[in-house]
Protein backbone atom coordinates (compact mmCIF):
# COMPACT_ATOMS: atom_id res chain seq x y z
CA UNK A 1 76.01 80.35 126.65
CA UNK A 2 77.09 78.11 123.37
CA UNK A 3 78.71 78.93 120.46
CA UNK A 4 78.71 77.79 116.84
CA UNK A 5 80.28 79.29 113.75
CA UNK A 6 81.18 82.16 115.69
CA UNK A 7 77.69 82.66 116.74
CA UNK A 8 76.84 82.68 120.37
CA UNK A 9 73.62 80.77 121.23
CA UNK A 10 71.28 80.21 124.20
CA UNK A 11 70.09 76.00 124.11
CA UNK A 12 66.94 76.92 122.54
CA UNK A 13 63.76 74.74 123.95
CA UNK A 14 62.20 71.49 122.16
CA UNK A 15 60.42 71.82 119.06
CA UNK A 16 57.31 73.48 119.46
CA UNK A 17 55.10 73.98 116.15
CA UNK A 18 51.59 75.20 116.13
CA UNK A 19 49.65 73.21 113.80
CA UNK A 20 46.05 74.77 114.83
CA UNK A 21 46.42 77.05 111.83
CA UNK A 22 47.47 74.72 108.85
CA UNK A 23 45.49 74.62 105.67
CA UNK A 24 43.84 71.35 105.47
CA UNK A 25 46.19 69.29 103.43
CA UNK A 26 44.87 67.00 100.15
CA UNK A 27 42.57 64.31 100.37
CA UNK A 28 44.81 61.71 99.28
CA UNK A 29 47.45 63.18 101.14
CA UNK A 30 45.52 63.45 104.76
CA UNK A 31 46.09 59.70 105.99
CA UNK A 32 49.96 60.20 105.77
CA UNK A 33 49.78 63.41 107.54
CA UNK A 34 47.31 62.01 110.11
CA UNK A 35 49.61 59.17 110.95
CA UNK A 36 52.60 61.26 111.09
CA UNK A 37 51.14 63.43 113.69
CA UNK A 38 49.89 60.23 115.10
CA UNK A 39 53.55 59.07 115.32
CA UNK A 40 54.69 62.57 116.57
CA UNK A 41 52.27 62.33 119.89
CA UNK A 42 53.17 58.68 120.48
CA UNK A 43 56.76 60.04 120.48
CA UNK A 44 56.22 62.87 122.54
CA UNK A 45 53.97 60.62 124.94
CA UNK A 46 56.02 57.49 125.39
CA UNK A 47 59.51 58.13 124.54
CA UNK A 48 62.13 60.11 126.71
CA UNK A 49 64.16 61.63 124.37
CA UNK A 50 67.07 63.76 125.50
CA UNK A 51 66.92 67.23 124.88
CA UNK A 52 70.86 66.91 123.85
CA UNK A 53 72.59 64.01 121.84
CA UNK A 54 76.37 64.12 120.62
CA UNK A 55 76.85 64.63 117.16
CA UNK A 56 77.96 60.99 115.51
CA UNK A 57 81.83 60.97 114.50
CA UNK A 58 80.67 61.17 110.44
CA UNK A 59 78.19 64.06 111.39
CA UNK A 60 81.22 65.92 112.63
CA UNK A 61 83.59 65.18 109.92
CA UNK A 62 81.21 66.69 107.33
CA UNK A 63 81.30 70.09 109.39
CA UNK A 64 85.49 70.23 108.54
CA UNK A 65 86.24 73.43 106.71
CA UNK A 66 87.82 71.20 103.84
CA UNK A 67 85.12 68.79 104.27
CA UNK A 68 82.06 70.14 104.63
CA UNK A 69 79.47 68.53 102.55
CA UNK A 70 75.72 69.10 101.32
CA UNK A 71 72.69 67.50 99.58
CA UNK A 72 70.80 68.94 96.97
CA UNK A 73 67.95 66.70 95.98
CA UNK A 74 65.87 67.65 93.01
CA UNK A 75 62.40 66.96 92.39
CA UNK A 76 59.75 67.44 89.58
CA UNK A 77 56.44 67.66 90.97
CA UNK A 78 53.34 66.66 88.25
CA UNK A 79 51.56 69.41 89.56
CA UNK A 80 51.79 72.88 90.19
CA UNK A 81 52.89 73.99 93.61
CA UNK A 82 50.17 74.63 96.26
CA UNK A 83 52.15 76.42 99.06
CA UNK A 84 49.99 76.13 101.90
CA UNK A 85 49.86 72.46 101.28
CA UNK A 86 53.46 72.09 101.17
CA UNK A 87 53.98 74.21 104.66
CA UNK A 88 51.29 71.84 106.21
CA UNK A 89 53.07 68.61 104.89
CA UNK A 90 56.37 69.66 106.07
CA UNK A 91 55.29 70.65 109.43
CA UNK A 92 53.63 67.52 109.98
CA UNK A 93 56.30 65.33 108.81
CA UNK A 94 59.62 66.48 107.85
CA UNK A 95 59.97 69.51 110.48
CA UNK A 96 59.02 67.13 113.54
CA UNK A 97 62.27 64.17 112.49
CA UNK A 98 64.79 64.64 115.16
CA UNK A 99 67.44 65.76 113.00
CA UNK A 100 65.18 68.23 111.00
CA UNK A 101 64.45 70.55 114.24
CA UNK A 102 67.59 70.19 116.02
CA UNK A 103 70.87 72.85 115.50
CA UNK A 104 74.62 71.77 116.76
CA UNK A 105 75.89 73.12 119.55
CA UNK A 106 79.23 73.35 120.99
CA UNK A 107 80.47 74.73 124.69
CA UNK A 108 83.17 76.67 124.40
CA UNK A 109 83.81 76.61 127.79
CA UNK A 110 84.52 72.70 128.34
CA UNK A 111 87.58 72.29 125.87
CA UNK A 112 86.87 68.49 125.73
CA UNK A 113 83.06 69.10 124.86
CA UNK A 114 81.80 67.54 121.41
CA UNK A 115 79.19 69.12 119.53
CA UNK A 116 75.14 68.19 120.33
CA UNK A 117 72.47 68.20 118.38
CA UNK A 118 69.89 70.22 120.74
CA UNK A 119 66.09 70.79 119.74
CA UNK A 120 65.04 74.28 118.52
CA UNK A 121 61.98 75.80 117.41
CA UNK A 122 61.53 75.68 113.48
CA UNK A 123 60.24 78.63 111.52
CA UNK A 124 58.92 77.16 108.27
CA UNK A 125 59.65 80.92 106.67
CA UNK A 126 63.22 80.06 107.26
CA UNK A 127 63.19 77.01 105.53
CA UNK A 128 60.61 76.98 103.00
CA UNK A 129 62.01 79.30 100.41
CA UNK A 130 59.86 80.06 96.99
CA UNK A 131 62.59 81.15 94.45
CA UNK A 132 62.42 84.65 92.99
CA UNK A 133 61.33 84.47 89.14
CA UNK A 134 63.49 85.77 86.53
CA UNK A 135 60.60 85.77 83.98
CA UNK A 136 62.94 86.54 81.31
CA UNK A 137 65.16 83.35 81.66
CA UNK A 138 62.18 81.25 82.60
CA UNK A 139 60.34 82.01 79.30
CA UNK A 140 63.81 81.63 77.27
CA UNK A 141 64.45 78.22 78.91
CA UNK A 142 62.46 76.67 81.64
CA UNK A 143 65.02 73.79 82.12
CA UNK A 144 67.86 76.04 82.33
CA UNK A 145 66.52 78.14 85.06
CA UNK A 146 65.88 75.16 87.16
CA UNK A 147 69.41 74.11 86.57
CA UNK A 148 71.20 77.72 87.32
CA UNK A 149 69.08 78.19 90.32
CA UNK A 150 69.85 74.35 91.60
CA UNK A 151 73.39 74.95 90.90
CA UNK A 152 73.23 78.46 92.77
CA UNK A 153 72.91 76.72 95.68
CA UNK A 154 76.26 75.38 95.72
CA UNK A 155 77.96 78.98 96.01
CA UNK A 156 79.57 80.95 98.67
CA UNK A 157 76.48 83.48 98.10
CA UNK A 158 73.89 81.15 98.91
CA UNK A 159 75.51 79.84 102.43
CA UNK A 160 73.59 77.80 105.39
CA UNK A 161 72.73 79.45 108.86
CA UNK A 162 73.89 77.31 111.11
CA UNK A 163 72.25 78.55 113.71
CA UNK A 164 69.12 76.85 112.55
CA UNK A 165 68.51 73.46 111.59
CA UNK A 166 70.76 72.62 108.46
CA UNK A 167 67.65 71.96 105.68
CA UNK A 168 65.61 73.87 102.81
CA UNK A 169 63.23 73.38 100.44
CA UNK A 170 63.05 75.49 97.78
CA UNK A 171 60.36 75.86 95.34
CA UNK A 172 60.53 77.09 91.76
CA UNK A 173 57.06 76.94 90.68
CA UNK A 174 56.86 77.01 86.82
CA UNK A 175 56.77 74.30 84.68
CA UNK A 176 59.49 72.48 82.46
CA UNK A 177 59.86 70.08 79.92
CA UNK A 178 59.56 67.08 82.30
CA UNK A 179 57.43 68.80 85.53
CA UNK A 180 54.68 71.19 86.28
CA UNK A 181 56.90 72.53 89.16
CA UNK A 182 60.14 71.92 90.88
CA UNK A 183 61.35 71.63 94.36
CA UNK A 184 65.21 71.34 95.53
CA UNK A 185 66.06 70.08 98.91
CA UNK A 186 69.25 71.37 100.40
CA UNK A 187 70.48 69.09 103.45
CA UNK A 188 73.69 69.31 105.21
CA UNK A 189 74.99 65.88 105.28
CA UNK A 190 75.75 65.88 109.10
CA UNK A 191 71.97 64.96 109.16
CA UNK A 192 72.02 61.74 107.64
CA UNK A 193 73.46 59.94 104.33
CA UNK A 194 71.35 59.11 101.45
CA UNK A 195 69.91 56.05 102.37
CA UNK A 196 68.38 57.87 105.89
CA UNK A 197 67.34 60.41 103.75
CA UNK A 198 65.46 58.44 101.10
CA UNK A 199 63.84 56.48 104.05
CA UNK A 200 62.81 59.71 105.36
CA UNK A 201 61.57 60.46 102.40
CA UNK A 202 59.60 57.50 101.96
CA UNK A 203 58.33 58.07 105.49
CA UNK A 204 56.86 61.40 104.46
CA UNK A 205 55.05 59.94 100.97
CA UNK A 206 52.55 57.42 100.09
CA UNK A 207 52.06 55.27 97.18
CA UNK A 208 49.97 57.59 94.21
CA UNK A 209 47.97 53.99 93.81
CA UNK A 210 46.90 53.82 97.77
CA UNK A 211 47.34 56.63 99.38
CA UNK A 212 46.95 54.65 102.77
CA UNK A 213 50.07 52.50 101.91
CA UNK A 214 53.87 53.29 101.83
CA UNK A 215 55.65 53.49 98.65
CA UNK A 216 56.67 49.67 96.91
CA UNK A 217 60.19 49.23 96.47
CA UNK A 218 62.02 46.61 93.81
CA UNK A 219 61.74 43.19 94.56
CA UNK A 220 65.13 41.38 94.41
CA UNK A 221 64.37 39.48 91.61
CA UNK A 222 63.40 42.98 90.03
CA UNK A 223 66.48 44.91 90.60
CA UNK A 224 68.90 42.15 91.01
CA UNK A 225 70.70 43.74 93.89
CA UNK A 226 68.83 43.99 96.98
CA UNK A 227 71.73 42.83 99.41
CA UNK A 228 70.77 40.83 102.44
CA UNK A 229 73.50 40.38 105.09
CA UNK A 230 77.22 41.43 105.07
CA UNK A 231 78.38 43.84 102.47
CA UNK A 232 80.69 41.34 101.41
CA UNK A 233 79.77 38.12 99.16
CA UNK A 234 80.54 35.11 101.15
CA UNK A 235 78.38 31.96 101.38
CA UNK A 236 77.52 30.69 104.75
CA UNK A 237 79.30 27.86 106.43
CA UNK A 238 78.13 24.55 104.82
CA UNK A 239 77.07 21.74 107.11
CA UNK A 240 79.82 18.79 107.88
CA UNK A 241 77.72 16.27 106.12
CA UNK A 242 78.12 17.92 102.90
CA UNK A 243 81.44 16.68 102.65
CA UNK A 244 85.40 17.74 103.17
CA UNK A 245 85.31 19.45 99.78
CA UNK A 246 82.80 21.92 100.68
CA UNK A 247 84.35 23.02 103.88
CA UNK A 248 87.22 23.12 102.26
CA UNK A 249 86.24 25.54 99.15
CA UNK A 250 84.11 27.36 102.45
CA UNK A 251 87.59 28.06 104.01
CA UNK A 252 89.21 29.03 100.92
CA UNK A 253 86.67 31.74 100.28
CA UNK A 254 87.63 33.04 103.97
CA UNK A 255 91.11 33.08 103.14
CA UNK A 256 90.24 34.60 99.96
CA UNK A 257 88.13 37.38 101.76
CA UNK A 258 91.33 38.33 104.33
CA UNK A 259 94.11 38.38 101.39
CA UNK A 260 91.41 40.79 99.28
CA UNK A 261 90.85 42.83 102.76
CA UNK A 262 94.40 43.61 103.24
CA UNK A 263 95.36 44.24 99.72
CA UNK A 264 92.54 46.93 99.73
CA UNK A 265 93.44 48.41 103.11
CA UNK A 266 96.90 49.00 102.43
CA UNK A 267 95.91 50.52 98.87
CA UNK A 268 93.43 52.89 100.56
CA UNK A 269 95.70 53.81 103.52
CA UNK A 270 98.44 54.17 101.07
CA UNK A 271 95.84 56.88 99.21
CA UNK A 272 94.46 58.18 102.24
CA UNK A 273 98.09 59.36 103.40
CA UNK A 274 98.78 60.45 99.69
CA UNK A 275 101.59 57.91 98.91
CA UNK A 276 99.27 56.72 95.89
CA UNK A 277 97.38 59.02 93.55
CA UNK A 278 95.63 58.76 90.31
CA UNK A 279 97.40 60.27 87.47
CA UNK A 280 96.03 64.07 86.44
CA UNK A 281 93.71 63.79 84.11
CA UNK A 282 90.85 66.04 82.39
CA UNK A 283 88.65 64.25 84.98
CA UNK A 284 90.70 64.75 88.12
CA UNK A 285 89.93 67.81 89.98
CA UNK A 286 92.74 70.42 90.68
CA UNK A 287 93.51 71.24 94.26
CA UNK A 288 90.47 73.24 96.21
CA UNK A 289 87.59 72.10 93.96
CA UNK A 290 85.93 71.41 97.12
CA UNK A 291 85.80 75.26 97.65
CA UNK A 292 84.69 75.82 94.27
CA UNK A 293 80.68 75.94 93.08
CA UNK A 294 79.30 73.01 91.59
CA UNK A 295 77.19 72.62 88.34
CA UNK A 296 74.16 70.01 88.43
CA UNK A 297 72.96 68.37 86.14
CA UNK A 298 70.71 65.36 85.40
CA UNK A 299 69.36 63.05 82.54
CA UNK A 300 66.67 60.17 82.69
CA UNK A 301 67.75 56.99 81.04
CA UNK A 302 65.35 53.97 80.69
CA UNK A 303 65.81 51.12 83.64
CA UNK A 304 64.14 48.72 81.47
CA UNK A 305 67.02 49.53 78.98
CA UNK A 306 69.35 48.61 81.82
CA UNK A 307 67.71 45.70 83.11
CA UNK A 308 67.71 44.08 79.43
CA UNK A 309 71.54 44.61 79.72
CA UNK A 310 71.64 43.15 83.28
CA UNK A 311 69.19 40.26 82.02
CA UNK A 312 71.76 39.55 79.00
CA UNK A 313 75.04 39.73 80.76
CA UNK A 314 73.63 37.68 84.03
CA UNK A 315 75.04 40.35 86.28
CA UNK A 316 73.48 43.24 88.50
CA UNK A 317 72.05 46.40 87.50
CA UNK A 318 74.79 48.43 89.68
CA UNK A 319 77.48 46.26 87.17
CA UNK A 320 75.61 47.69 84.17
CA UNK A 321 75.81 50.77 85.93
CA UNK A 322 79.74 50.87 86.46
CA UNK A 323 80.56 49.48 82.73
CA UNK A 324 78.35 52.26 81.38
CA UNK A 325 79.86 54.74 83.49
CA UNK A 326 83.11 53.66 81.87
CA UNK A 327 81.94 53.71 78.66
CA UNK A 328 80.55 57.12 78.99
CA UNK A 329 83.62 58.32 80.58
CA UNK A 330 85.52 56.77 78.12
CA UNK A 331 84.15 58.41 75.31
CA UNK A 332 84.16 61.86 77.04
CA UNK A 333 88.31 61.02 77.94
CA UNK A 334 89.16 60.36 74.15
CA UNK A 335 86.76 63.10 72.72
CA UNK A 336 88.12 65.90 74.92
CA UNK A 337 91.60 64.62 74.60
CA UNK A 338 92.28 63.69 70.97
CA UNK A 339 94.60 60.38 72.19
CA UNK A 340 93.76 57.53 69.59
CA UNK A 341 97.13 56.14 70.64
CA UNK A 342 96.36 55.34 74.43
CA UNK A 343 94.25 51.82 75.03
CA UNK A 344 93.93 51.87 78.48
CA UNK A 345 93.52 54.73 80.98
CA UNK A 346 92.87 53.59 84.82
CA UNK A 347 91.34 56.22 86.92
CA UNK A 348 89.89 55.44 90.47
CA UNK A 349 86.26 56.25 91.68
CA UNK A 350 85.50 56.69 95.69
CA UNK A 351 82.39 54.43 95.88
CA UNK A 352 79.99 54.95 98.29
CA UNK A 353 78.64 51.56 100.03
CA UNK A 354 75.52 51.30 102.60
CA UNK A 355 76.92 49.24 105.63
CA UNK A 356 73.46 48.59 106.64
CA UNK A 357 72.15 44.72 107.03
CA UNK A 358 70.06 45.41 104.06
CA UNK A 359 69.16 48.56 102.28
CA UNK A 360 66.65 49.04 104.59
CA UNK A 361 64.79 51.56 103.12
CA UNK A 362 61.59 50.24 104.56
CA UNK A 363 62.66 49.32 108.05
CA UNK A 364 63.97 52.83 108.20
CA UNK A 365 60.65 54.31 107.11
CA UNK A 366 58.84 52.48 109.62
CA UNK A 367 61.20 53.34 112.38
CA UNK A 368 60.48 57.06 111.57
CA UNK A 369 56.73 56.46 111.80
CA UNK A 370 56.53 55.06 114.62
CA UNK A 371 59.53 56.58 116.54
CA UNK A 372 60.62 52.98 117.97
CA UNK A 373 64.12 51.67 117.85
CA UNK A 374 64.28 48.98 115.61
CA UNK A 375 67.87 48.08 115.03
CA UNK A 376 67.92 50.44 111.88
CA UNK A 377 70.08 53.28 112.75
CA UNK A 378 69.32 56.52 111.36
CA UNK A 379 72.55 58.73 110.07
CA UNK A 380 75.60 58.39 108.09
CA UNK A 381 76.43 54.40 107.90
CA UNK A 382 78.49 54.37 104.60
CA UNK A 383 81.81 53.36 104.12
CA UNK A 384 84.11 53.60 100.94
CA UNK A 385 85.53 51.05 98.24
CA UNK A 386 88.28 52.68 95.88
CA UNK A 387 87.20 51.03 92.57
CA UNK A 388 89.11 51.16 89.43
CA UNK A 389 87.31 52.66 86.22
CA UNK A 390 88.84 51.65 82.85
CA UNK A 391 89.14 54.27 80.12
CA UNK A 392 89.50 52.34 76.97
CA UNK A 393 88.07 51.95 73.11
CA UNK A 394 86.34 48.43 73.07
CA UNK A 395 85.03 47.55 69.87
CA UNK A 396 82.11 45.61 71.40
CA UNK A 397 80.35 47.88 73.67
CA UNK A 398 79.69 44.86 76.49
CA UNK A 399 83.35 44.23 77.13
CA UNK A 400 82.47 47.36 79.34
CA UNK A 401 80.30 45.87 81.35
CA UNK A 402 82.18 42.20 81.62
CA UNK A 403 85.23 44.35 83.07
CA UNK A 404 83.01 46.33 85.67
CA UNK A 405 81.07 43.06 86.52
CA UNK A 406 84.82 41.49 87.08
CA UNK A 407 86.15 44.65 88.91
CA UNK A 408 82.90 44.74 91.45
CA UNK A 409 82.42 40.90 92.09
CA UNK A 410 86.24 40.99 93.03
CA UNK A 411 85.28 44.14 95.45
CA UNK A 412 82.68 42.33 96.93
CA UNK A 413 84.84 39.93 98.49
CA UNK A 414 86.54 42.09 100.52
CA UNK A 415 85.72 44.44 103.46
CA UNK A 416 87.06 47.63 102.66
CA UNK A 417 83.69 49.53 103.37
CA UNK A 418 83.75 48.23 106.59
CA UNK A 419 87.22 49.06 107.30
CA UNK A 420 86.82 52.56 106.29
CA UNK A 421 83.90 52.94 108.10
CA UNK A 422 85.34 51.53 110.95
CA UNK A 423 89.10 53.13 110.57
CA UNK A 424 87.35 56.78 110.62
CA UNK A 425 85.64 56.24 113.75
CA UNK A 426 88.60 54.56 115.46
CA UNK A 427 90.83 57.70 114.16
CA UNK A 428 88.28 60.18 115.67
CA UNK A 429 88.20 58.37 119.12
CA UNK A 430 91.82 57.62 119.10
CA UNK A 431 93.04 61.16 117.95
CA UNK A 432 90.89 63.98 116.77
CA UNK A 433 88.12 64.92 114.13
CA UNK A 434 90.87 66.65 111.95
CA UNK A 435 92.73 63.41 111.47
CA UNK A 436 89.80 61.75 110.50
CA UNK A 437 89.14 64.83 108.07
CA UNK A 438 92.64 64.74 106.52
CA UNK A 439 92.80 60.83 105.78
CA UNK A 440 89.38 61.25 104.12
CA UNK A 441 90.41 64.27 102.15
CA UNK A 442 93.50 62.30 100.95
CA UNK A 443 91.33 59.96 99.96
CA UNK A 444 89.15 62.11 97.81
CA UNK A 445 92.18 64.14 96.73
CA UNK A 446 94.05 61.10 95.33
CA UNK A 447 91.15 59.66 93.56
CA UNK A 448 89.46 60.88 90.38
CA UNK A 449 85.60 60.91 90.89
CA UNK A 450 82.48 59.77 93.41
CA UNK A 451 80.10 57.36 92.64
CA UNK A 452 77.03 56.25 94.12
CA UNK A 453 73.99 54.29 93.19
CA UNK A 454 70.46 54.08 95.27
CA UNK A 455 67.32 52.18 94.89
CA UNK A 456 64.27 54.19 94.84
CA UNK A 457 60.40 53.76 94.74
CA UNK A 458 59.36 51.46 91.96
CA UNK A 459 56.24 53.25 91.78
CA UNK A 460 55.26 56.88 92.14
CA UNK A 461 54.70 58.42 95.04
CA UNK A 462 53.01 61.66 96.35
CA UNK A 463 53.83 64.14 98.73
CA UNK A 464 51.39 66.86 99.83
CA UNK A 465 48.90 65.47 97.08
CA UNK A 466 51.71 66.00 94.43
CA UNK A 467 52.71 63.24 92.59
CA UNK A 468 56.80 63.25 92.07
CA UNK A 469 57.66 62.60 88.68
CA UNK A 470 61.33 62.26 89.21
CA UNK A 471 64.10 62.37 91.89
CA UNK A 472 67.62 63.41 91.18
CA UNK A 473 70.20 63.44 94.24
CA UNK A 474 73.58 65.10 93.96
CA UNK A 475 75.82 66.67 96.31
CA UNK A 476 79.05 69.13 97.04
CA UNK A 477 81.70 69.96 99.10
CA UNK A 478 84.36 67.56 98.61
CA UNK A 479 87.76 67.64 96.44
CA UNK A 480 86.25 65.78 93.57
CA UNK A 481 85.18 68.35 90.45
CA UNK A 482 82.92 65.22 89.27
CA UNK A 483 80.55 62.99 91.12
CA UNK A 484 78.05 60.99 89.59
CA UNK A 485 74.67 59.58 91.21
CA UNK A 486 72.40 57.33 90.15
CA UNK A 487 68.55 56.65 91.26
CA UNK A 488 66.06 54.51 90.14
CA UNK A 489 62.31 55.58 90.48
CA UNK A 490 59.53 53.97 88.82
CA UNK A 491 60.54 52.67 85.60
CA UNK A 492 63.33 55.61 85.03
CA UNK A 493 66.94 56.03 85.97
CA UNK A 494 68.05 59.42 87.14
CA UNK A 495 71.87 60.25 86.81
CA UNK A 496 72.62 63.41 88.35
CA UNK A 497 76.42 65.23 87.83
CA UNK A 498 77.63 67.52 89.89
CA UNK A 499 80.68 69.12 87.86
CA UNK A 500 83.30 72.20 88.59
CA UNK A 501 82.03 74.11 85.76
CA UNK A 502 85.60 75.49 85.38
CA UNK A 503 86.95 71.97 84.43
CA UNK A 504 83.51 70.82 82.89
CA UNK A 505 82.59 73.50 80.92
CA UNK A 506 80.59 70.77 78.49
CA UNK A 507 78.46 69.08 81.41
CA UNK A 508 75.91 68.29 78.57
CA UNK A 509 77.62 66.55 76.47
CA UNK A 510 79.04 64.37 79.22
CA UNK A 511 75.01 63.54 80.14
CA UNK A 512 75.18 62.56 75.98
CA UNK A 513 77.77 60.39 76.12
CA UNK A 514 75.79 58.11 78.63
CA UNK A 515 72.38 58.32 76.54
CA UNK A 516 74.70 57.51 73.23
CA UNK A 517 76.50 54.45 75.45
CA UNK A 518 73.65 53.21 77.02
CA UNK A 519 72.12 52.97 73.27
CA UNK A 520 75.21 51.12 71.93
CA UNK A 521 75.33 48.73 75.24
CA UNK A 522 71.80 48.09 74.92
CA UNK A 523 71.78 46.91 71.36
CA UNK A 524 74.74 45.13 71.69
CA UNK A 525 73.32 43.08 74.12
CA UNK A 526 70.31 42.69 72.29
CA UNK A 527 72.23 41.03 69.35
CA UNK A 528 73.96 39.02 71.52
CA UNK A 529 70.62 37.68 73.06
CA UNK A 530 69.33 37.07 69.42
CA UNK A 531 71.96 34.85 68.79
CA UNK A 532 72.39 32.89 71.50
CA UNK A 533 68.59 32.27 70.78
CA UNK A 534 69.30 31.13 67.17
CA UNK A 535 71.99 28.99 68.31
CA UNK A 536 69.66 27.09 70.76
């Protein structure tokens, strides 16, 4: 007998789902489902998968009481929900993934035992939930009805049952201003990080233009930020024939990398140990914010506008998003405080960094389809950078992007994120998961907000015969009162905010600040480009 969260459990059997009575999948999705079933059969026949697999240190960290984190991803659907097709599609794809058909089990009789993933039977009725509809609320404001329901998933009254796989798909079958219906996927963070989950989504879907093809991702030239190689920016060693000057420059770059890493690691350690922390501002959450529910709001912005600024400034999309965030939060800060004297206020964000050699979305998706190990790992593989955000009033809106570019380029010349991932893993092995959770909690408690940016498919994707209109991921359960997630999809950017509503009752005003800041920055970049063309 095992115990998990006070519930005694018997070790369950391997996943067993009867697909014989499934409803037929829509024609456009038959290829994806048949390939997924074939992959599952190959997995069962060719691989000797263990019944039990240890939960990773990061997965265990996300189960700690003061750091129990969840991901909530909202999808806009282009057509009304076909429930039988959704069930069939989930059974053929998502429910067959090892993390989505397993529970975490701990043997109480062995004090040194660590929790393990154990396969179990998936009851689809437990995981696919059609949201109860308040007709009056939907008729009055369907967008707010979706927002209220998604936000309610973070309340104590909507807990997840840890005796079954830690995911749920909530369906809201009524139209909104952006979609014909909405789906909200809630997943416990121990199942994987944002890159893993986005890759799984891609593996479960197909291109709207070609049902046999996997969705296309932006090229490096179009995104301006697709990474090859390590997280940190460092040129490869030049050949000796290049001359002593080139070799000396390379040596100096290594010394600069080492120095920046030492400085950043010291600052990170002081922050985690609560010896260095951000001053209290209207943006910083109060103690205990991790236990309060979140309000999830999102806004659709133009990816083309962001790329125009990127091209005009000669930076990356991520640089523009950091600068845009600084500009928008500056507007909000100075309006909320009424402080007209302060010229520069410094806050810090915990920036999540994917540590895989490349963003690897397609590589991960192919691994999930074929069930083969190809060197690309599922799970939580990310570190943190502590990134300064400068809140200021600038006459030139482009100054926010210039400062952001300077800061992000400096951070790219550091191995801080690699150290944070490695150190947390070492603390778990040497000391305990509670010690690692305490350090991670200290880092969040002593910074102001969270920030992440993911690159999604560049074309429309289809799942269960239903084209997806937008993807808005967010998370809750950590000490920040303000969390910011960006995700590009097709030609749009989705900004999703998770806010502590007691501290941010005006979340939609923050979204308005982002919209207005992007307009001002884009117009300033256009003027700069026109001026440069006139001079040439």
